[in-house]
Amino acid sequence: MQLTALIVDDEPLAREGLRLLLCQDREVSAIHEAKNGRDAVEAIRTSRPDLVFLDVQMPGMDGFSVLQKVGPERMPPVIFVTAHDRYAIRAFEINAIDYLLKPVSAVRFGQSLQRANARLGVTEGASRQIVSLLETDASSSRYVKRLAVRSSGKTLFVNVEEIDWIQAAENYVQLHMGRTSHLLTATMSTLEKSLNPAAFQRIHRSIIVNLSRIKEIQPVMHGEYTIVLQSGVQLHSGRTYQEKIRSLMANPF
């Protein structure tokens, strides 16, 4: 199956690297390039490539904005390419074929291209697999439902609702889930904004708790509280969060 590809990246070396890898595949008949989001939109509309290698982070218009600008019905299948894995969940939620982390190895690139060929060969309409984009990504205020964490060279997907509590750990946050925990590269403030406040509450500058896991709340002193989880874990709130804790202890009626 012959296919045409579009490489979208604001870094010339990154584009050249992907071009060299694509040139090794005999099924790739043509390779186009775009150095920014605006050029990508124009290239997609005029060249109508079969497959797009799309950088997530670009100045002006990022990769996800390109998808929205083109529209789900006209967007070809996408393989996201970026230096950060924090976008993995969002990429998979809009049905991207794959997600490549820079620097891209030849082996990993080959696996991704095989996956693309398999997806493209299923049906003629497979090239419109991003038709769900507007439904899943219509609102920038949508809260995350899963998180991607790196573990032993693999990317694991954690359902947010399964997290008991979250703890700051220097440049990371630690997700506690029963007897297991995972480190995630993110700040507490960033993660807090991504979580549904109806389900998660920050009770300390370094602690966020899943409200459904709280068993009881015990007052200590000076506006501080001990939060006892169903697992038996005891968390201590900060004094500046006392109003939020009091609101948790009040019934809605």
C-alpha atoms as a PDB file:
ATOM      1  CA  MET A   1       0.000   0.000   0.000  1.00  0.00           C
ATOM      2  CA  GLN A   2       1.603   3.284  -1.166  1.00  0.00           C
ATOM      3  CA  LEU A   3       1.092   6.274   1.115  1.00  0.00           C
ATOM      4  CA  THR A   4       2.039   9.923   1.366  1.00  0.00           C
ATOM      5  CA  ALA A   5       3.226  11.402   4.650  1.00  0.00           C
ATOM      6  CA  LEU A   6       3.365  14.893   6.135  1.00  0.00           C
ATOM      7  CA  ILE A   7       5.944  15.784   8.791  1.00  0.00           C
ATOM      8  CA  VAL A   8       4.987  18.720  11.009  1.00  0.00           C
ATOM      9  CA  ASP A   9       7.651  20.066  13.370  1.00  0.00           C
ATOM     10  CA  ASP A  10       9.138  23.493  14.048  1.00  0.00           C
ATOM     11  CA  GLU A  11      12.621  21.942  14.489  1.00  0.00           C
ATOM     12  CA  PRO A  12      14.489  21.339  11.181  1.00  0.00           C
ATOM     13  CA  LEU A  13      16.617  18.542  12.669  1.00  0.00           C
ATOM     14  CA  ALA A  14      13.512  16.750  13.933  1.00  0.00           C
ATOM     15  CA  ARG A  15      11.917  16.947  10.483  1.00  0.00           C
ATOM     16  CA  GLU A  16      15.097  15.674   8.857  1.00  0.00           C
ATOM     17  CA  GLY A  17      15.292  12.754  11.284  1.00  0.00           C
ATOM     18  CA  LEU A  18      11.754  11.625  10.520  1.00  0.00           C
ATOM     19  CA  ARG A  19      12.319  12.081   6.786  1.00  0.00           C
ATOM     20  CA  LEU A  20      15.363   9.790   6.885  1.00  0.00           C
ATOM     21  CA  LEU A  21      13.353   7.138   8.709  1.00  0.00           C
ATOM     22  CA  LEU A  22      10.433   7.444   6.279  1.00  0.00           C
ATOM     23  CA  CYS A  23      12.744   7.164   3.264  1.00  0.00           C
ATOM     24  CA  GLN A  24      13.682   3.672   4.382  1.00  0.00           C
ATOM     25  CA  ASP A  25      10.110   2.457   3.884  1.00  0.00           C
ATOM     26  CA  ARG A  26       9.322   1.462   0.299  1.00  0.00           C
ATOM     27  CA  GLU A  27       5.602   2.002   0.818  1.00  0.00           C
ATOM     28  CA  VAL A  28       6.085   5.743   1.393  1.00  0.00           C
ATOM     29  CA  SER A  29       5.733   7.358  -2.024  1.00  0.00           C
ATOM     30  CA  ALA A  30       5.914  11.036  -1.047  1.00  0.00           C
ATOM     31  CA  ILE A  31       6.998  13.067   1.973  1.00  0.00           C
ATOM     32  CA  HIS A  32       5.833  16.635   2.645  1.00  0.00           C
ATOM     33  CA  GLU A  33       6.951  18.948   5.451  1.00  0.00           C
ATOM     34  CA  ALA A  34       5.463  21.816   7.461  1.00  0.00           C
ATOM     35  CA  LYS A  35       7.427  23.943   9.913  1.00  0.00           C
ATOM     36  CA  ASN A  36       4.482  25.252  11.961  1.00  0.00           C
ATOM     37  CA  GLY A  37       0.788  24.760  12.667  1.00  0.00           C
ATOM     38  CA  ARG A  38      -0.461  27.186  10.029  1.00  0.00           C
ATOM     39  CA  ASP A  39       1.609  25.546   7.291  1.00  0.00           C
ATOM     40  CA  ALA A  40       0.393  22.155   8.512  1.00  0.00           C
ATOM     41  CA  VAL A  41      -3.260  23.131   8.138  1.00  0.00           C
ATOM     42  CA  GLU A  42      -2.627  24.373   4.595  1.00  0.00           C
ATOM     43  CA  ALA A  43      -0.631  21.262   3.645  1.00  0.00           C
ATOM     44  CA  ILE A  44      -3.297  18.925   4.981  1.00  0.00           C
ATOM     45  CA  ARG A  45      -6.034  20.733   3.067  1.00  0.00           C
ATOM     46  CA  THR A  46      -4.128  20.896  -0.231  1.00  0.00           C
ATOM     47  CA  SER A  47      -1.940  17.760  -0.265  1.00  0.00           C
ATOM     48  CA  ARG A  48      -4.360  15.482   1.587  1.00  0.00           C
ATOM     49  CA  PRO A  49      -1.624  13.178   2.993  1.00  0.00           C
ATOM     50  CA  ASP A  50      -2.446   9.644   4.105  1.00  0.00           C
ATOM     51  CA  LEU A  51      -0.532  10.002   7.371  1.00  0.00           C
ATOM     52  CA  VAL A  52       0.632  12.960   9.504  1.00  0.00           C
ATOM     53  CA  PHE A  53       3.554  12.969  11.932  1.00  0.00           C
ATOM     54  CA  LEU A  54       2.523  15.868  14.147  1.00  0.00           C
ATOM     55  CA  ASP A  55       4.624  17.600  16.784  1.00  0.00           C
ATOM     56  CA  VAL A  56       2.529  18.516  19.827  1.00  0.00           C
ATOM     57  CA  GLN A  57       4.436  21.577  21.027  1.00  0.00           C
ATOM     58  CA  MET A  58       4.888  24.301  18.405  1.00  0.00           C
ATOM     59  CA  PRO A  59       4.817  28.099  18.800  1.00  0.00           C
ATOM     60  CA  GLY A  60       1.607  29.816  17.783  1.00  0.00           C
ATOM     61  CA  MET A  61      -0.530  26.813  16.897  1.00  0.00           C
ATOM     62  CA  ASP A  62       0.223  23.508  18.623  1.00  0.00           C
ATOM     63  CA  GLY A  63      -0.573  20.039  17.335  1.00  0.00           C
ATOM     64  CA  PHE A  64      -3.969  19.761  18.993  1.00  0.00           C
ATOM     65  CA  SER A  65      -4.960  23.153  17.586  1.00  0.00           C
ATOM     66  CA  VAL A  66      -4.079  21.873  14.120  1.00  0.00           C
ATOM     67  CA  LEU A  67      -6.565  19.045  14.583  1.00  0.00           C
ATOM     68  CA  GLN A  68      -9.297  21.446  15.596  1.00  0.00           C
ATOM     69  CA  LYS A  69      -8.553  23.851  12.737  1.00  0.00           C
ATOM     70  CA  VAL A  70      -8.648  21.178  10.039  1.00  0.00           C
ATOM     71  CA  GLY A  71     -11.734  19.517  11.503  1.00  0.00           C
ATOM     72  CA  PRO A  72     -12.259  15.846  12.373  1.00  0.00           C
ATOM     73  CA  GLU A  73     -13.867  14.878   9.080  1.00  0.00           C
ATOM     74  CA  ARG A  74     -10.907  16.108   7.003  1.00  0.00           C
ATOM     75  CA  MET A  75      -8.066  15.184   9.348  1.00  0.00           C
ATOM     76  CA  PRO A  76      -5.886  12.243   8.204  1.00  0.00           C
ATOM     77  CA  PRO A  77      -4.633   9.645  10.712  1.00  0.00           C
ATOM     78  CA  VAL A  78      -2.062  11.105  13.092  1.00  0.00           C
ATOM     79  CA  ILE A  79       1.068   9.918  14.860  1.00  0.00           C
ATOM     80  CA  PHE A  80       2.063  12.438  17.533  1.00  0.00           C
ATOM     81  CA  VAL A  81       5.744  13.215  18.065  1.00  0.00           C
ATOM     82  CA  THR A  82       7.007  15.180  21.066  1.00  0.00           C
ATOM     83  CA  ALA A  83       9.704  15.350  23.705  1.00  0.00           C
ATOM     84  CA  HIS A  84       7.211  15.127  26.594  1.00  0.00           C
ATOM     85  CA  ASP A  85       5.070  12.135  27.546  1.00  0.00           C
ATOM     86  CA  ARG A  86       2.529  14.165  29.514  1.00  0.00           C
ATOM     87  CA  TYR A  87       0.463  14.518  26.338  1.00  0.00           C
ATOM     88  CA  ALA A  88       0.148  10.756  25.800  1.00  0.00           C
ATOM     89  CA  ILE A  89      -3.286  10.383  27.360  1.00  0.00           C
ATOM     90  CA  ARG A  90      -4.776  13.249  25.383  1.00  0.00           C
ATOM     91  CA  ALA A  91      -3.272  11.860  22.171  1.00  0.00           C
ATOM     92  CA  PHE A  92      -4.800   8.423  22.689  1.00  0.00           C
ATOM     93  CA  GLU A  93      -8.132   9.879  23.767  1.00  0.00           C
ATOM     94  CA  ILE A  94      -8.544  11.426  20.330  1.00  0.00           C
ATOM     95  CA  ASN A  95      -7.656   8.103  18.687  1.00  0.00           C
ATOM     96  CA  ALA A  96      -4.188   8.950  17.403  1.00  0.00           C
ATOM     97  CA  ILE A  97      -2.516   5.925  15.814  1.00  0.00           C
ATOM     98  CA  ASP A  98       0.555   6.222  18.006  1.00  0.00           C
ATOM     99  CA  TYR A  99       2.661   8.490  20.189  1.00  0.00           C
ATOM    100  CA  LEU A 100       6.426   8.821  19.645  1.00  0.00           C
ATOM    101  CA  LEU A 101       8.816  10.357  22.153  1.00  0.00           C
ATOM    102  CA  LYS A 102      11.867  12.259  20.917  1.00  0.00           C
ATOM    103  CA  PRO A 103      14.514  11.219  20.116  1.00  0.00           C
ATOM    104  CA  VAL A 104      12.726   8.650  17.959  1.00  0.00           C
ATOM    105  CA  SER A 105      14.591   5.377  17.518  1.00  0.00           C
ATOM    106  CA  ALA A 106      14.468   3.411  14.264  1.00  0.00           C
ATOM    107  CA  VAL A 107      12.940   0.397  16.022  1.00  0.00           C
ATOM    108  CA  ARG A 108      10.173   2.396  17.682  1.00  0.00           C
ATOM    109  CA  PHE A 109       9.502   4.286  14.457  1.00  0.00           C
ATOM    110  CA  GLY A 110       9.173   1.004  12.554  1.00  0.00           C
ATOM    111  CA  GLN A 111       6.630  -0.257  15.071  1.00  0.00           C
ATOM    112  CA  SER A 112       4.624   2.936  14.735  1.00  0.00           C
ATOM    113  CA  LEU A 113       4.635   2.773  10.938  1.00  0.00           C
ATOM    114  CA  GLN A 114       3.487  -0.847  11.028  1.00  0.00           C
ATOM    115  CA  ARG A 115       0.628   0.182  13.262  1.00  0.00           C
ATOM    116  CA  ALA A 116      -0.254   2.948  10.827  1.00  0.00           C
ATOM    117  CA  ASN A 117      -0.246   0.571   7.855  1.00  0.00           C
ATOM    118  CA  ALA A 118      -2.515  -1.824   9.727  1.00  0.00           C
ATOM    119  CA  ARG A 119      -4.939   0.956  10.640  1.00  0.00           C
ATOM    120  CA  LEU A 120      -4.992   2.398   7.116  1.00  0.00           C
ATOM    121  CA  GLY A 121      -5.587  -0.981   5.567  1.00  0.00           C
ATOM    122  CA  VAL A 122      -8.688  -1.879   7.563  1.00  0.00           C
ATOM    123  CA  THR A 123     -11.240   0.229   5.704  1.00  0.00           C
ATOM    124  CA  GLU A 124     -11.310   3.225   3.419  1.00  0.00           C
ATOM    125  CA  GLY A 125     -12.848   5.251   6.194  1.00  0.00           C
ATOM    126  CA  ALA A 126     -10.056   4.448   8.623  1.00  0.00           C
ATOM    127  CA  SER A 127      -8.280   7.656   7.624  1.00  0.00           C
ATOM    128  CA  ARG A 128     -11.031   9.524   9.440  1.00  0.00           C
ATOM    129  CA  GLN A 129     -10.363   7.953  12.815  1.00  0.00           C
ATOM    130  CA  ILE A 130     -10.178  11.372  14.494  1.00  0.00           C
ATOM    131  CA  VAL A 131     -13.890  11.876  13.957  1.00  0.00           C
ATOM    132  CA  SER A 132     -14.301  11.743  17.739  1.00  0.00           C
ATOM    133  CA  LEU A 133     -12.038  14.775  18.286  1.00  0.00           C
ATOM    134  CA  LEU A 134     -14.773  17.361  18.775  1.00  0.00           C
ATOM    135  CA  GLU A 135     -16.637  15.092  21.187  1.00  0.00           C
ATOM    136  CA  THR A 136     -13.646  14.274  23.366  1.00  0.00           C
ATOM    137  CA  ASP A 137     -11.687  17.513  23.138  1.00  0.00           C
ATOM    138  CA  ALA A 138     -14.330  20.172  22.586  1.00  0.00           C
ATOM    139  CA  SER A 139     -13.706  21.873  25.893  1.00  0.00           C
ATOM    140  CA  SER A 140     -10.292  22.902  27.206  1.00  0.00           C
ATOM    141  CA  SER A 141     -11.718  22.761  30.729  1.00  0.00           C
ATOM    142  CA  ARG A 142     -12.409  19.026  30.533  1.00  0.00           C
ATOM    143  CA  TYR A 143     -10.787  17.214  33.457  1.00  0.00           C
ATOM    144  CA  VAL A 144      -8.441  14.275  32.933  1.00  0.00           C
ATOM    145  CA  LYS A 145      -9.768  10.759  33.438  1.00  0.00           C
ATOM    146  CA  ARG A 146      -6.452   8.937  33.028  1.00  0.00           C
ATOM    147  CA  LEU A 147      -2.796   9.738  33.556  1.00  0.00           C
ATOM    148  CA  ALA A 148       0.238   8.351  31.738  1.00  0.00           C
ATOM    149  CA  VAL A 149       3.151   7.361  33.997  1.00  0.00           C
ATOM    150  CA  ARG A 150       6.551   5.979  33.063  1.00  0.00           C
ATOM    151  CA  SER A 151       7.595   2.717  34.726  1.00  0.00           C
ATOM    152  CA  SER A 152      10.549   0.475  33.809  1.00  0.00           C
ATOM    153  CA  GLY A 153      10.736   1.890  30.307  1.00  0.00           C
ATOM    154  CA  LYS A 154       7.006   1.490  29.728  1.00  0.00           C
ATOM    155  CA  THR A 155       4.072   3.891  29.815  1.00  0.00           C
ATOM    156  CA  LEU A 156       1.316   2.800  32.193  1.00  0.00           C
ATOM    157  CA  PHE A 157      -2.168   4.268  32.183  1.00  0.00           C
ATOM    158  CA  VAL A 158      -3.698   5.075  35.550  1.00  0.00           C
ATOM    159  CA  ASN A 159      -7.419   5.740  35.932  1.00  0.00           C
ATOM    160  CA  VAL A 160      -7.770   8.893  38.027  1.00  0.00           C
ATOM    161  CA  GLU A 161     -10.728   7.500  39.967  1.00  0.00           C
ATOM    162  CA  GLU A 162      -8.478   4.692  41.291  1.00  0.00           C
ATOM    163  CA  ILE A 163      -6.071   7.144  42.965  1.00  0.00           C
ATOM    164  CA  ASP A 164      -6.465   7.376  46.756  1.00  0.00           C
ATOM    165  CA  TRP A 165      -4.312  10.428  47.329  1.00  0.00           C
ATOM    166  CA  ILE A 166      -1.519  12.430  45.734  1.00  0.00           C
ATOM    167  CA  GLN A 167       1.653  13.677  47.363  1.00  0.00           C
ATOM    168  CA  ALA A 168       4.221  16.230  46.202  1.00  0.00           C
ATOM    169  CA  ALA A 169       7.700  14.748  45.742  1.00  0.00           C
ATOM    170  CA  GLU A 170      10.151  17.507  44.721  1.00  0.00           C
ATOM    171  CA  ASN A 171       9.847  17.776  40.908  1.00  0.00           C
ATOM    172  CA  TYR A 172       7.270  14.984  40.806  1.00  0.00           C
ATOM    173  CA  VAL A 173       3.983  13.989  42.344  1.00  0.00           C
ATOM    174  CA  GLN A 174       3.405  10.550  43.794  1.00  0.00           C
ATOM    175  CA  LEU A 175       0.107   8.849  43.010  1.00  0.00           C
ATOM    176  CA  HIS A 176      -0.944   6.521  45.823  1.00  0.00           C
ATOM    177  CA  MET A 177      -3.248   3.646  44.855  1.00  0.00           C
ATOM    178  CA  GLY A 178      -3.737   1.120  47.615  1.00  0.00           C
ATOM    179  CA  ARG A 179      -0.367  -0.550  48.180  1.00  0.00           C
ATOM    180  CA  THR A 180       1.161   0.752  44.969  1.00  0.00           C
ATOM    181  CA  SER A 181       2.346   4.191  43.935  1.00  0.00           C
ATOM    182  CA  HIS A 182       3.597   5.871  40.769  1.00  0.00           C
ATOM    183  CA  LEU A 183       5.705   8.954  40.127  1.00  0.00           C
ATOM    184  CA  LEU A 184       4.431  11.505  37.642  1.00  0.00           C
ATOM    185  CA  THR A 185       6.419  14.427  36.243  1.00  0.00           C
ATOM    186  CA  ALA A 186       4.165  17.348  37.140  1.00  0.00           C
ATOM    187  CA  THR A 187       3.671  20.036  39.746  1.00  0.00           C
ATOM    188  CA  MET A 188       0.889  19.912  42.305  1.00  0.00           C
ATOM    189  CA  SER A 189      -0.659  23.113  40.944  1.00  0.00           C
ATOM    190  CA  THR A 190      -0.737  21.802  37.376  1.00  0.00           C
ATOM    191  CA  LEU A 191      -2.240  18.486  38.406  1.00  0.00           C
ATOM    192  CA  GLU A 192      -4.780  20.152  40.678  1.00  0.00           C
ATOM    193  CA  LYS A 193      -6.113  22.204  37.751  1.00  0.00           C
ATOM    194  CA  SER A 194      -6.467  19.025  35.688  1.00  0.00           C
ATOM    195  CA  LEU A 195      -8.536  17.164  38.301  1.00  0.00           C
ATOM    196  CA  ASN A 196     -12.267  17.491  38.839  1.00  0.00           C
ATOM    197  CA  PRO A 197     -12.719  19.542  42.044  1.00  0.00           C
ATOM    198  CA  ALA A 198     -15.919  17.614  42.741  1.00  0.00           C
ATOM    199  CA  ALA A 199     -13.816  14.461  43.096  1.00  0.00           C
ATOM    200  CA  PHE A 200     -10.422  15.685  44.352  1.00  0.00           C
ATOM    201  CA  GLN A 201      -9.566  18.258  46.985  1.00  0.00           C
ATOM    202  CA  ARG A 202      -6.269  19.770  48.006  1.00  0.00           C
ATOM    203  CA  ILE A 203      -5.983  19.622  51.789  1.00  0.00           C
ATOM    204  CA  HIS A 204      -2.330  20.620  52.139  1.00  0.00           C
ATOM    205  CA  ARG A 205       0.186  22.342  49.901  1.00  0.00           C
ATOM    206  CA  SER A 206       1.666  18.894  49.236  1.00  0.00           C
ATOM    207  CA  ILE A 207      -1.446  16.661  49.439  1.00  0.00           C
ATOM    208  CA  ILE A 208      -4.509  16.134  47.234  1.00  0.00           C
ATOM    209  CA  VAL A 209      -7.094  13.563  48.285  1.00  0.00           C
ATOM    210  CA  ASN A 210      -9.758  11.600  46.444  1.00  0.00           C
ATOM    211  CA  LEU A 211     -12.954  12.634  48.266  1.00  0.00           C
ATOM    212  CA  SER A 212     -14.585   9.252  47.720  1.00  0.00           C
ATOM    213  CA  ARG A 213     -11.777   7.627  49.733  1.00  0.00           C
ATOM    214  CA  ILE A 214     -12.348   9.685  52.903  1.00  0.00           C
ATOM    215  CA  LYS A 215     -13.743   7.667  55.813  1.00  0.00           C
ATOM    216  CA  GLU A 216     -13.689  10.295  58.550  1.00  0.00           C
ATOM    217  CA  ILE A 217     -12.288  13.706  59.455  1.00  0.00           C
ATOM    218  CA  GLN A 218     -10.888  14.418  62.920  1.00  0.00           C
ATOM    219  CA  PRO A 219     -10.181  17.966  64.176  1.00  0.00           C
ATOM    220  CA  VAL A 220      -6.732  18.412  65.681  1.00  0.00           C
ATOM    221  CA  MET A 221      -5.970  22.033  66.623  1.00  0.00           C
ATOM    222  CA  HIS A 222      -5.619  25.521  65.162  1.00  0.00           C
ATOM    223  CA  GLY A 223      -7.732  24.724  62.105  1.00  0.00           C
ATOM    224  CA  GLU A 224      -5.868  21.542  61.232  1.00  0.00           C
ATOM    225  CA  TYR A 225      -7.495  18.147  60.658  1.00  0.00           C
ATOM    226  CA  THR A 226      -6.592  14.487  60.320  1.00  0.00           C
ATOM    227  CA  ILE A 227      -8.154  12.907  57.219  1.00  0.00           C
ATOM    228  CA  VAL A 228      -8.623   9.155  57.623  1.00  0.00           C
ATOM    229  CA  LEU A 229      -8.991   7.216  54.380  1.00  0.00           C
ATOM    230  CA  GLN A 230     -10.861   3.944  53.935  1.00  0.00           C
ATOM    231  CA  SER A 231      -7.493   2.203  53.645  1.00  0.00           C
ATOM    232  CA  GLY A 232      -6.534   3.446  57.118  1.00  0.00           C
ATOM    233  CA  VAL A 233      -4.027   5.995  55.839  1.00  0.00           C
ATOM    234  CA  GLN A 234      -4.062   9.210  57.864  1.00  0.00           C
ATOM    235  CA  LEU A 235      -3.377  12.519  56.155  1.00  0.00           C
ATOM    236  CA  HIS A 236      -2.900  15.856  57.885  1.00  0.00           C
ATOM    237  CA  SER A 237      -4.365  19.028  56.438  1.00  0.00           C
ATOM    238  CA  GLY A 238      -2.726  22.428  56.353  1.00  0.00           C
ATOM    239  CA  ARG A 239      -4.090  25.324  58.375  1.00  0.00           C
ATOM    240  CA  THR A 240      -4.760  27.449  55.288  1.00  0.00           C
ATOM    241  CA  TYR A 241      -7.121  24.766  53.964  1.00  0.00           C
ATOM    242  CA  GLN A 242      -9.434  24.708  56.986  1.00  0.00           C
ATOM    243  CA  GLU A 243     -12.379  26.311  55.157  1.00  0.00           C
ATOM    244  CA  LYS A 244     -12.222  23.672  52.435  1.00  0.00           C
ATOM    245  CA  ILE A 245     -12.121  20.923  55.039  1.00  0.00           C
ATOM    246  CA  ARG A 246     -15.128  22.386  56.860  1.00  0.00           C
ATOM    247  CA  SER A 247     -17.086  22.457  53.614  1.00  0.00           C
ATOM    248  CA  LEU A 248     -16.380  18.742  53.215  1.00  0.00           C
ATOM    249  CA  MET A 249     -17.933  18.066  56.616  1.00  0.00           C
ATOM    250  CA  ALA A 250     -21.141  19.922  55.759  1.00  0.00           C
ATOM    251  CA  ASN A 251     -24.137  18.288  54.085  1.00  0.00           C
ATOM    252  CA  PRO A 252     -25.396  19.923  50.861  1.00  0.00           C
ATOM    253  CA  PHE A 253     -28.893  20.499  52.312  1.00  0.00           C
END
